Amino acid sequence: MYQFSGKLKMLSLALMVIGVLGIGYSFMSTKTLEDAKAVIAATHNDNHGNAHATKELTRKEHNDAKQDGHTVVNNHDNEHAEHVLHQLQNRPWAAVYVALLFFLGITLLVLAFYAIQRVAQAGWSIVLFRVMEAITANLHYVSAIMLVFLITAFLHINHLFPWMAEGVVDPNADNFDPIIYGKKIWMNTPGWLIRSIIYLAGWNLYRFIIRKGSIKEDTTNGDKKLHKRNYNISVAFLVFFMISESMMSWDWIMGLDPHWFSTLFGWYVLSTFMVSAITVIAMVAIYLRAKGVLPMVNDSHIHDLTKYMFGFSVFWTYLWFSQFMLIWYADMPEETVYFAMRFNEYNTLFLSMLVLNFVFPILLLINSDFKSIPWFVIIGGVVILIGHYIDVFIMIMPATVGAYWSFGLPEISAIFFFLGLFIYATFSAFAKTSPIASGNPYLKESELFHYYNIEHKEENDSHH
C-alpha cells in the first residue's frame, strides 16, 4: 500500500494556502474608475505617443464643440473607462476560471480515457487503472468549486459572460443585442445553469460508481458479471461524455464570445484537455513507479502513454489549423474577430502556444527511444502542460479582460491553489486502496505487456 508522505501532503496544503491568500488579495485589490483611466492613458501613451495630433479648430468650431460636443466626448470617455474598469475587475475571476477549467478539463479527460480503456477492453493499461482512478478523485473537488463559480455568474456576482447582462435580449433596452436575442433559446441563464448541473452530476456519478465497482472487483476474484456491469456503465458514460463535453465547451468557453461560433470547437477543447490528461497520467505513473509502488508498470506502459501524448499533440495541431485556416480563408468579420483580437493583443502567447504544443513535442517525442526515458517524458510533459494552459488562457482572457491582461499574482495564485488541490486529492485517493486493480481479468496481459512488445519487435526484426 502507498503511504501519502507527510512532505507531499504539506506541499499540497502549502500550495493551497498560498493560492487562497493570493486569490483573496487579488479580489481585495479593488480597481476604481481612476485606475481604469490611468491604464487607458498609459496604454495610449505607450502605443501611440504623440502620433495622433489634434486638428486646429476655428473659433466658431471650437465654440460649437464646447457647447454641443463636450458632453458627448466626456460621456464617451467615461463609457470607455467604465468598460476598461469592468475588464480590470474581471481579471481575478478570469484567472481563477482559467486554472479551474484547466484542472477540471484534465481530470475529466483522465476519466474519459479510463472509460475508453474499459470499453475497448484494453489489456495494456490495467496496471494504470488505480493511477487514473486516483487522479479522477480531484473531479469531486473541482466540480464543487465550478458549481459555486457558475452560481456566482448566474447571480451576476461575476460578469464574465456578456450575454447575461441586463437588457441584452430586451428589444426596448439601450444595450439590446440582436445576435444574442437570436440565440436566446440556448443562451438563457436558467437553461445554462441547469445544463451545467447535469454535466457535473453525470461526470461525478460515473466516477463514484466506477470507482466503487473497480474496488469491488478486487474482492470478488474477478467476477465476470461485475466486470460486464462496469463495461456497460462505461459505454453509457462515454455516450453522455461526448455530448456533454461539446455542450460544456459551448456553454462555459464559447459563451464568453457569444457572437462567435465554430463547429470544431468542441473537438478542439477535447483535444487540448486530452493531451494534458494523458501527460498527467504519465507523470504521476512515473513518480509512483519511482517510489516503488507500481512494480508492474514498465517501460512499455510509459512508452505507450508517450505515444498518446505525441499522437494527440498532432491531433490538436490538426484541429487548431483546421479551425484557423477555414476562418482565415473565408475572411468573414463575425468569425475573424476571434482570432484577430488574440493575434493582435496576445501575439507572443498565441505564437508560443504553437511552438509548445506542436513543434516541441514533435521534436522531442518523435524518436521512439526517448519515449521510455522517465526524465525525458517529464520534461516534455511540463512543456506540454504549460502550452495547453496557455491555450486555455487564450480561450478565456481576451473575452473577459481584453487587451488589459497580464500574468501575475492572480494567475499564479490560482495555479498554486488548484495544483495543491490536485496533489492532495490524487495521492490521498491512491493511498486508500491497493495500487493494482487485482480483480480485473486482463491484469495478466497488462503485467506481461513489456514481454509481448519485445516478442513483437523481435518478430518484426526477423521479417526485415
Protein backbone atom coordinates (compact mmCIF):
# COMPACT_ATOMS: atom_id res chain seq x y z
CA MET A 1 0.00 0.00 0.00
CA TYR A 2 1.12 3.51 -0.78
CA GLN A 3 1.61 5.98 2.05
CA PHE A 4 0.81 9.63 1.31
CA SER A 5 4.02 11.15 2.62
CA GLY A 6 3.94 14.00 5.10
CA LYS A 7 6.20 16.15 2.92
CA LEU A 8 3.98 15.81 -0.13
CA LYS A 9 0.89 16.47 1.96
CA MET A 10 2.49 19.59 3.44
CA LEU A 11 3.44 20.75 -0.04
CA SER A 12 -0.12 20.36 -1.28
CA LEU A 13 -1.56 22.20 1.73
CA ALA A 14 1.04 24.96 1.45
CA LEU A 15 0.22 25.47 -2.22
CA MET A 16 -3.49 25.71 -1.41
CA VAL A 17 -2.93 28.18 1.43
CA ILE A 18 -0.61 30.38 -0.67
CA GLY A 19 -3.10 30.18 -3.52
CA VAL A 20 -6.06 31.20 -1.36
CA LEU A 21 -4.14 34.14 0.12
CA GLY A 22 -3.03 35.33 -3.31
CA ILE A 23 -6.51 34.97 -4.80
CA GLY A 24 -8.03 36.77 -1.81
CA TYR A 25 -5.57 39.64 -2.12
CA SER A 26 -6.33 39.90 -5.85
CA PHE A 27 -10.05 40.29 -5.16
CA MET A 28 -9.46 42.77 -2.34
CA SER A 29 -7.31 44.99 -4.56
CA THR A 30 -10.42 46.65 -5.96
CA LYS A 31 -9.93 48.74 -9.09
CA THR A 32 -11.56 52.17 -9.41
CA LEU A 33 -12.58 54.34 -12.35
CA GLU A 34 -9.45 56.41 -11.83
CA ASP A 35 -7.33 53.27 -12.13
CA ALA A 36 -9.05 52.46 -15.41
CA LYS A 37 -8.39 55.95 -16.76
CA ALA A 38 -4.74 55.68 -15.73
CA VAL A 39 -4.44 52.33 -17.55
CA ILE A 40 -6.04 53.83 -20.68
CA ALA A 41 -3.69 56.81 -20.57
CA ALA A 42 -0.63 54.62 -20.08
CA THR A 43 -1.66 52.30 -22.90
CA HIS A 44 -2.42 55.25 -25.18
CA ASN A 45 0.98 56.81 -24.50
CA ASP A 46 2.82 53.52 -24.98
CA ASN A 47 1.06 52.63 -28.20
CA HIS A 48 0.60 55.96 -29.86
CA GLY A 49 2.86 58.52 -28.27
CA ASN A 50 2.30 61.84 -29.92
CA ALA A 51 1.35 60.37 -33.29
CA HIS A 52 -2.26 61.49 -33.12
CA ALA A 53 -2.14 65.26 -33.19
CA THR A 54 -5.48 67.03 -32.99
CA LYS A 55 -6.52 69.37 -35.78
CA GLU A 56 -6.83 73.10 -35.21
CA LEU A 57 -10.41 74.23 -34.79
CA THR A 58 -11.68 77.59 -35.91
CA ARG A 59 -13.09 79.77 -33.19
CA LYS A 60 -16.64 79.01 -34.33
CA GLU A 61 -15.96 75.25 -34.48
CA HIS A 62 -14.30 75.41 -31.10
CA ASN A 63 -17.29 77.17 -29.55
CA ASP A 64 -19.70 74.70 -31.17
CA ALA A 65 -17.68 71.80 -29.86
CA LYS A 66 -17.66 73.23 -26.38
CA GLN A 67 -21.38 73.86 -26.45
CA ASP A 68 -22.62 70.73 -28.24
CA GLY A 69 -19.92 68.12 -28.22
CA HIS A 70 -18.01 68.42 -24.98
CA THR A 71 -20.58 66.46 -23.00
CA VAL A 72 -20.75 63.76 -25.67
CA VAL A 73 -16.97 63.36 -25.67
CA ASN A 74 -16.88 63.16 -21.91
CA ASN A 75 -19.66 60.60 -21.91
CA HIS A 76 -17.80 58.54 -24.48
CA ASP A 77 -14.59 58.70 -22.45
CA ASN A 78 -16.44 57.74 -19.29
CA GLU A 79 -18.15 54.82 -21.02
CA HIS A 80 -14.79 53.60 -22.31
CA ALA A 81 -13.25 53.97 -18.87
CA GLU A 82 -16.15 52.03 -17.32
CA HIS A 83 -15.67 49.26 -19.90
CA VAL A 84 -11.97 49.04 -19.06
CA LEU A 85 -12.81 49.08 -15.33
CA HIS A 86 -15.18 46.17 -15.93
CA GLN A 87 -12.35 44.24 -17.63
CA LEU A 88 -9.88 45.04 -14.84
CA GLN A 89 -12.39 43.83 -12.24
CA ASN A 90 -12.89 40.66 -14.27
CA ARG A 91 -9.22 39.70 -14.05
CA PRO A 92 -9.23 37.84 -10.67
CA TRP A 93 -12.37 35.96 -11.71
CA ALA A 94 -10.89 35.12 -15.09
CA ALA A 95 -7.58 33.98 -13.56
CA VAL A 96 -9.41 31.58 -11.25
CA TYR A 97 -11.63 30.44 -14.11
CA VAL A 98 -8.67 29.59 -16.37
CA ALA A 99 -6.98 27.45 -13.70
CA LEU A 100 -10.28 25.89 -12.59
CA LEU A 101 -11.26 24.94 -16.13
CA PHE A 102 -7.76 23.65 -16.90
CA PHE A 103 -7.66 21.28 -13.92
CA LEU A 104 -11.31 20.27 -14.32
CA GLY A 105 -10.71 19.52 -18.01
CA ILE A 106 -7.64 17.42 -17.27
CA THR A 107 -9.42 15.42 -14.57
CA LEU A 108 -12.48 14.88 -16.75
CA LEU A 109 -10.43 13.66 -19.72
CA VAL A 110 -8.48 11.27 -17.48
CA LEU A 111 -11.88 9.85 -16.54
CA ALA A 112 -12.88 9.63 -20.20
CA PHE A 113 -9.57 7.96 -21.14
CA TYR A 114 -10.13 5.48 -18.32
CA ALA A 115 -13.64 4.73 -19.59
CA ILE A 116 -12.26 4.24 -23.11
CA GLN A 117 -9.83 1.64 -21.78
CA ARG A 118 -12.69 -0.25 -20.14
CA VAL A 119 -14.92 -0.12 -23.23
CA ALA A 120 -12.08 -1.14 -25.54
CA GLN A 121 -11.24 -3.96 -23.09
CA ALA A 122 -7.64 -2.92 -23.46
CA GLY A 123 -5.15 -5.17 -21.69
CA TRP A 124 -2.07 -2.95 -21.59
CA SER A 125 -3.45 -0.23 -19.30
CA ILE A 126 -4.88 -2.25 -16.39
CA VAL A 127 -1.85 -1.64 -14.17
CA LEU A 128 -2.52 2.09 -14.60
CA PHE A 129 -6.18 1.92 -13.55
CA ARG A 130 -5.55 2.87 -9.93
CA VAL A 131 -3.45 5.83 -11.09
CA MET A 132 -6.28 7.08 -13.29
CA GLU A 133 -8.88 6.48 -10.60
CA ALA A 134 -6.78 8.44 -8.10
CA ILE A 135 -6.39 11.38 -10.47
CA THR A 136 -10.14 11.48 -11.08
CA ALA A 137 -10.76 11.86 -7.34
CA ASN A 138 -9.99 15.52 -7.99
CA LEU A 139 -13.17 15.73 -10.08
CA HIS A 140 -15.38 15.91 -6.99
CA TYR A 141 -13.49 18.90 -5.59
CA VAL A 142 -13.15 20.95 -8.76
CA SER A 143 -16.77 20.20 -9.73
CA ALA A 144 -17.98 21.65 -6.42
CA ILE A 145 -15.86 24.76 -6.98
CA MET A 146 -17.09 25.04 -10.57
CA LEU A 147 -20.69 24.83 -9.41
CA VAL A 148 -20.10 27.70 -6.97
CA PHE A 149 -18.40 29.68 -9.72
CA LEU A 150 -21.30 29.11 -12.13
CA ILE A 151 -23.81 30.18 -9.47
CA THR A 152 -21.88 33.44 -8.96
CA ALA A 153 -22.22 34.08 -12.69
CA PHE A 154 -25.93 33.20 -12.55
CA LEU A 155 -26.40 35.68 -9.68
CA HIS A 156 -24.37 38.37 -11.53
CA ILE A 157 -21.68 38.37 -8.85
CA ASN A 158 -19.13 37.92 -11.60
CA HIS A 159 -19.64 39.31 -15.10
CA LEU A 160 -17.56 37.07 -17.33
CA PHE A 161 -20.44 36.14 -19.64
CA PRO A 162 -21.58 39.25 -21.57
CA TRP A 163 -24.82 37.64 -22.78
CA MET A 164 -26.04 37.60 -19.16
CA ALA A 165 -26.04 41.41 -18.93
CA GLU A 166 -29.32 43.19 -18.20
CA GLY A 167 -31.32 44.20 -21.28
CA VAL A 168 -29.27 42.25 -23.82
CA VAL A 169 -32.32 40.33 -25.03
CA ASP A 170 -34.82 43.17 -24.44
CA PRO A 171 -35.63 44.91 -27.76
CA ASN A 172 -36.51 48.10 -25.85
CA ALA A 173 -33.23 48.29 -23.92
CA ASP A 174 -30.31 50.51 -24.93
CA ASN A 175 -27.86 47.60 -24.95
CA PHE A 176 -30.14 45.22 -26.90
CA ASP A 177 -28.10 42.69 -28.86
CA PRO A 178 -29.97 41.16 -31.83
CA ILE A 179 -27.39 38.37 -32.27
CA ILE A 180 -27.74 37.16 -28.69
CA TYR A 181 -31.50 37.65 -28.97
CA GLY A 182 -31.49 35.18 -31.86
CA LYS A 183 -29.74 32.62 -29.62
CA LYS A 184 -31.88 33.16 -26.51
CA ILE A 185 -33.43 29.68 -26.72
CA TRP A 186 -29.98 28.33 -25.83
CA MET A 187 -28.37 31.33 -24.14
CA ASN A 188 -30.61 31.91 -21.14
CA THR A 189 -29.41 31.71 -17.56
CA PRO A 190 -31.86 29.08 -16.19
CA GLY A 191 -31.17 26.67 -19.07
CA TRP A 192 -27.43 27.35 -18.89
CA LEU A 193 -27.24 26.59 -15.16
CA ILE A 194 -29.47 23.50 -15.40
CA ARG A 195 -27.34 22.08 -18.22
CA SER A 196 -24.18 22.78 -16.24
CA ILE A 197 -25.52 20.94 -13.20
CA ILE A 198 -26.41 17.96 -15.43
CA TYR A 199 -22.87 17.86 -16.86
CA LEU A 200 -21.24 17.94 -13.43
CA ALA A 201 -23.69 15.48 -11.87
CA GLY A 202 -23.29 12.97 -14.72
CA TRP A 203 -19.50 13.02 -14.67
CA ASN A 204 -19.31 12.70 -10.88
CA LEU A 205 -21.93 9.96 -10.75
CA TYR A 206 -19.95 7.82 -13.18
CA ARG A 207 -16.73 8.39 -11.28
CA PHE A 208 -18.35 7.42 -7.99
CA ILE A 209 -19.96 4.25 -9.42
CA ILE A 210 -16.96 3.05 -11.42
CA ARG A 211 -14.51 3.61 -8.57
CA LYS A 212 -16.75 1.60 -6.25
CA GLY A 213 -17.17 -1.12 -8.88
CA SER A 214 -13.44 -1.28 -9.61
CA ILE A 215 -12.54 -1.77 -5.94
CA LYS A 216 -15.31 -4.37 -5.60
CA GLU A 217 -13.74 -6.37 -8.45
CA ASP A 218 -10.69 -6.93 -6.23
CA THR A 219 -12.81 -8.63 -3.55
CA THR A 220 -14.84 -10.88 -5.87
CA ASN A 221 -11.98 -12.74 -7.58
CA GLY A 222 -12.65 -11.11 -10.92
CA ASP A 223 -16.42 -11.60 -11.04
CA LYS A 224 -17.31 -11.56 -14.76
CA LYS A 225 -20.79 -10.16 -14.10
CA LEU A 226 -19.35 -7.22 -12.20
CA HIS A 227 -16.76 -6.68 -14.93
CA LYS A 228 -19.53 -6.67 -17.55
CA ARG A 229 -21.54 -4.21 -15.44
CA ASN A 230 -18.56 -1.86 -15.24
CA TYR A 231 -18.19 -2.21 -19.01
CA ASN A 232 -21.85 -1.31 -19.67
CA ILE A 233 -21.72 1.67 -17.31
CA SER A 234 -18.60 2.92 -19.11
CA VAL A 235 -20.31 2.63 -22.50
CA ALA A 236 -23.22 4.74 -21.24
CA PHE A 237 -20.84 7.27 -19.73
CA LEU A 238 -18.90 7.73 -22.98
CA VAL A 239 -22.12 8.47 -24.86
CA PHE A 240 -23.04 11.05 -22.20
CA PHE A 241 -19.49 12.41 -22.14
CA MET A 242 -19.22 13.03 -25.89
CA ILE A 243 -22.46 15.01 -25.86
CA SER A 244 -21.87 16.87 -22.60
CA GLU A 245 -18.23 17.75 -23.35
CA SER A 246 -19.20 19.56 -26.56
CA MET A 247 -22.10 21.33 -24.87
CA MET A 248 -19.87 22.25 -21.93
CA SER A 249 -17.36 23.87 -24.30
CA TRP A 250 -20.16 25.92 -25.88
CA ASP A 251 -21.65 26.98 -22.53
CA TRP A 252 -18.51 27.59 -20.48
CA ILE A 253 -15.97 28.79 -23.07
CA MET A 254 -17.60 29.79 -26.36
CA GLY A 255 -20.28 31.60 -24.35
CA LEU A 256 -17.61 34.13 -23.34
CA ASP A 257 -17.61 35.25 -27.01
CA PRO A 258 -21.36 34.99 -27.71
CA HIS A 259 -21.19 36.46 -31.23
CA TRP A 260 -18.60 33.93 -32.40
CA PHE A 261 -19.01 30.24 -33.09
CA SER A 262 -17.07 27.32 -34.53
CA THR A 263 -18.39 23.88 -35.40
CA LEU A 264 -14.97 22.41 -34.48
CA PHE A 265 -14.78 23.99 -31.07
CA GLY A 266 -15.99 21.02 -29.01
CA TRP A 267 -13.39 18.75 -30.63
CA TYR A 268 -10.71 21.40 -30.23
CA VAL A 269 -11.35 21.75 -26.49
CA LEU A 270 -11.42 17.97 -26.14
CA SER A 271 -8.03 17.65 -27.86
CA THR A 272 -6.28 20.20 -25.63
CA PHE A 273 -7.59 18.53 -22.46
CA MET A 274 -6.89 15.02 -23.78
CA VAL A 275 -3.20 15.77 -24.42
CA SER A 276 -2.92 17.31 -20.96
CA ALA A 277 -4.75 14.41 -19.29
CA ILE A 278 -2.53 11.70 -20.80
CA THR A 279 0.53 13.76 -19.92
CA VAL A 280 -0.59 13.94 -16.28
CA ILE A 281 -1.23 10.16 -16.20
CA ALA A 282 2.29 9.55 -17.47
CA MET A 283 3.89 11.96 -14.98
CA VAL A 284 2.00 10.59 -11.96
CA ALA A 285 2.75 6.99 -13.03
CA ILE A 286 6.46 7.78 -13.39
CA TYR A 287 6.52 9.36 -9.92
CA LEU A 288 4.72 6.43 -8.28
CA ARG A 289 6.87 3.88 -10.09
CA ALA A 290 9.97 5.68 -8.80
CA LYS A 291 8.53 5.31 -5.29
CA GLY A 292 8.33 1.54 -5.83
CA VAL A 293 4.55 1.20 -5.53
CA LEU A 294 3.89 0.34 -9.19
CA PRO A 295 6.28 -2.56 -9.85
CA MET A 296 4.14 -3.87 -12.74
CA VAL A 297 4.38 -0.59 -14.63
CA ASN A 298 7.26 -1.00 -17.06
CA ASP A 299 8.89 0.96 -19.86
CA SER A 300 6.35 -0.28 -22.41
CA HIS A 301 3.48 1.31 -20.46
CA ILE A 302 5.31 4.64 -20.29
CA HIS A 303 6.23 4.28 -23.97
CA ASP A 304 2.58 3.83 -24.95
CA LEU A 305 1.43 6.78 -22.85
CA THR A 306 4.09 8.90 -24.53
CA LYS A 307 2.87 7.74 -27.95
CA TYR A 308 -0.56 9.02 -27.00
CA MET A 309 1.00 12.34 -25.94
CA PHE A 310 2.69 12.56 -29.31
CA GLY A 311 -0.38 11.48 -31.29
CA PHE A 312 -2.81 13.83 -29.59
CA SER A 313 -0.34 16.72 -29.95
CA VAL A 314 -0.56 16.16 -33.71
CA PHE A 315 -4.36 15.84 -33.44
CA TRP A 316 -4.56 19.13 -31.52
CA THR A 317 -2.47 20.84 -34.21
CA TYR A 318 -4.69 19.44 -36.96
CA LEU A 319 -7.82 20.81 -35.28
CA TRP A 320 -6.19 24.16 -34.49
CA PHE A 321 -5.08 24.59 -38.10
CA SER A 322 -8.43 23.41 -39.49
CA GLN A 323 -10.33 25.94 -37.39
CA PHE A 324 -7.90 28.79 -38.02
CA MET A 325 -7.40 28.15 -41.76
CA LEU A 326 -11.12 27.97 -42.60
CA ILE A 327 -11.89 31.16 -40.69
CA TRP A 328 -8.90 32.99 -42.18
CA TYR A 329 -9.72 31.86 -45.73
CA ALA A 330 -13.42 32.78 -45.51
CA ASP A 331 -12.48 36.19 -44.01
CA MET A 332 -15.91 36.82 -42.52
CA PRO A 333 -15.79 39.62 -39.92
CA GLU A 334 -18.04 37.83 -37.42
CA GLU A 335 -15.59 34.90 -37.44
CA THR A 336 -12.20 36.57 -37.88
CA VAL A 337 -12.74 38.89 -34.90
CA TYR A 338 -11.98 35.95 -32.58
CA PHE A 339 -8.51 35.34 -33.98
CA ALA A 340 -7.80 38.99 -34.81
CA MET A 341 -8.02 40.02 -31.17
CA ARG A 342 -5.96 37.08 -29.98
CA PHE A 343 -3.28 37.65 -32.58
CA ASN A 344 -3.11 41.42 -32.03
CA GLU A 345 -3.36 41.59 -28.24
CA TYR A 346 -1.90 38.18 -27.28
CA ASN A 347 0.63 37.82 -30.08
CA THR A 348 3.52 36.37 -28.05
CA LEU A 349 1.37 33.83 -26.24
CA PHE A 350 -0.53 32.97 -29.40
CA LEU A 351 2.63 32.09 -31.32
CA SER A 352 4.48 30.46 -28.42
CA MET A 353 1.49 28.18 -27.88
CA LEU A 354 2.05 26.64 -31.32
CA VAL A 355 5.71 26.01 -30.54
CA LEU A 356 4.99 24.47 -27.13
CA ASN A 357 2.02 22.37 -28.24
CA PHE A 358 3.27 21.15 -31.62
CA VAL A 359 6.87 21.91 -32.58
CA PHE A 360 8.42 20.97 -29.23
CA PRO A 361 6.50 17.67 -28.72
CA ILE A 362 7.22 16.62 -32.32
CA LEU A 363 10.95 17.25 -31.99
CA LEU A 364 11.16 15.76 -28.50
CA LEU A 365 8.93 12.70 -28.78
CA ILE A 366 9.23 11.60 -32.40
CA ASN A 367 12.21 9.40 -31.54
CA SER A 368 10.90 6.09 -30.23
CA ASP A 369 13.94 5.55 -27.97
CA PHE A 370 13.18 8.70 -25.97
CA LYS A 371 9.58 7.72 -25.19
CA SER A 372 10.58 5.38 -22.35
CA ILE A 373 13.12 7.65 -20.62
CA PRO A 374 11.35 8.99 -17.49
CA TRP A 375 13.17 12.32 -17.14
CA PHE A 376 12.69 12.96 -20.85
CA VAL A 377 8.97 12.33 -20.59
CA ILE A 378 8.73 14.59 -17.54
CA ILE A 379 10.46 17.46 -19.37
CA GLY A 380 8.20 17.00 -22.38
CA GLY A 381 5.17 16.76 -20.10
CA VAL A 382 5.93 20.01 -18.29
CA VAL A 383 6.29 21.84 -21.61
CA ILE A 384 3.06 20.32 -22.96
CA LEU A 385 1.13 21.31 -19.82
CA ILE A 386 2.44 24.88 -19.98
CA GLY A 387 1.50 25.07 -23.65
CA HIS A 388 -2.05 23.85 -23.09
CA TYR A 389 -2.54 26.08 -20.05
CA ILE A 390 -1.68 28.96 -22.41
CA ASP A 391 -4.22 27.56 -24.85
CA VAL A 392 -6.98 27.72 -22.21
CA PHE A 393 -5.70 31.15 -21.13
CA ILE A 394 -6.07 32.44 -24.69
CA MET A 395 -9.56 30.95 -24.97
CA ILE A 396 -10.77 32.86 -21.91
CA MET A 397 -8.75 36.01 -21.23
CA PRO A 398 -9.39 38.02 -24.45
CA ALA A 399 -13.14 37.72 -23.97
CA THR A 400 -13.04 38.67 -20.29
CA VAL A 401 -10.20 41.16 -19.77
CA GLY A 402 -9.49 42.19 -23.36
CA ALA A 403 -6.22 43.92 -24.08
CA TYR A 404 -5.60 44.77 -20.42
CA TRP A 405 -4.19 41.41 -19.42
CA SER A 406 -1.02 40.36 -17.67
CA PHE A 407 0.33 37.30 -15.90
CA GLY A 408 0.91 37.92 -12.25
CA LEU A 409 -0.39 37.28 -8.75
CA PRO A 410 -3.99 36.26 -9.60
CA GLU A 411 -2.92 33.74 -12.24
CA ILE A 412 -0.03 32.26 -10.25
CA SER A 413 -2.13 32.04 -7.07
CA ALA A 414 -4.94 30.23 -8.92
CA ILE A 415 -2.47 27.72 -10.39
CA PHE A 416 -0.94 27.11 -6.95
CA PHE A 417 -4.32 26.51 -5.34
CA PHE A 418 -5.60 24.05 -7.92
CA LEU A 419 -2.23 22.30 -8.19
CA GLY A 420 -2.18 21.81 -4.42
CA LEU A 421 -5.75 20.54 -4.50
CA PHE A 422 -4.87 18.14 -7.33
CA ILE A 423 -1.88 16.73 -5.45
CA TYR A 424 -3.89 16.28 -2.26
CA ALA A 425 -6.89 14.66 -3.98
CA THR A 426 -4.81 12.35 -6.18
CA PHE A 427 -2.35 10.94 -3.71
CA SER A 428 -4.74 10.69 -0.78
CA ALA A 429 -7.11 8.69 -3.04
CA PHE A 430 -4.26 6.49 -4.28
CA ALA A 431 -3.30 5.67 -0.68
CA LYS A 432 -6.79 4.40 0.20
CA THR A 433 -6.73 1.17 -1.77
CA SER A 434 -4.48 -1.36 -3.50
CA PRO A 435 -2.21 0.23 -6.15
CA ILE A 436 -3.11 -2.54 -8.60
CA ALA A 437 -6.59 -3.47 -9.89
CA SER A 438 -6.02 -7.12 -9.00
CA GLY A 439 -9.58 -8.23 -9.80
CA ASN A 440 -9.51 -7.16 -13.44
CA PRO A 441 -9.48 -10.21 -15.78
CA TYR A 442 -6.95 -8.55 -18.10
CA LEU A 443 -4.36 -7.88 -15.40
CA LYS A 444 -2.01 -10.66 -16.54
CA GLU A 445 -1.93 -9.28 -20.05
CA SER A 446 -1.03 -5.84 -18.68
CA GLU A 447 1.67 -7.30 -16.42
CA LEU A 448 3.32 -9.11 -19.37
CA PHE A 449 2.83 -6.21 -21.77
CA HIS A 450 6.57 -5.48 -21.92
CA TYR A 451 7.40 -9.04 -22.95
CA TYR A 452 4.70 -9.04 -25.63
CA ASN A 453 6.26 -5.88 -27.05
CA ILE A 454 9.73 -7.45 -27.09
CA GLU A 455 8.43 -10.55 -28.86
CA HIS A 456 6.57 -8.41 -31.38
CA LYS A 457 9.69 -6.31 -32.01
CA GLU A 458 11.83 -9.43 -32.49
CA GLU A 459 9.30 -10.82 -34.98
CA ASN A 460 9.39 -7.57 -36.96
CA ASP A 461 13.17 -7.53 -36.91
CA SER A 462 13.30 -11.12 -38.18
CA HIS A 463 10.98 -10.26 -41.07
CA HIS A 464 13.26 -7.42 -42.06
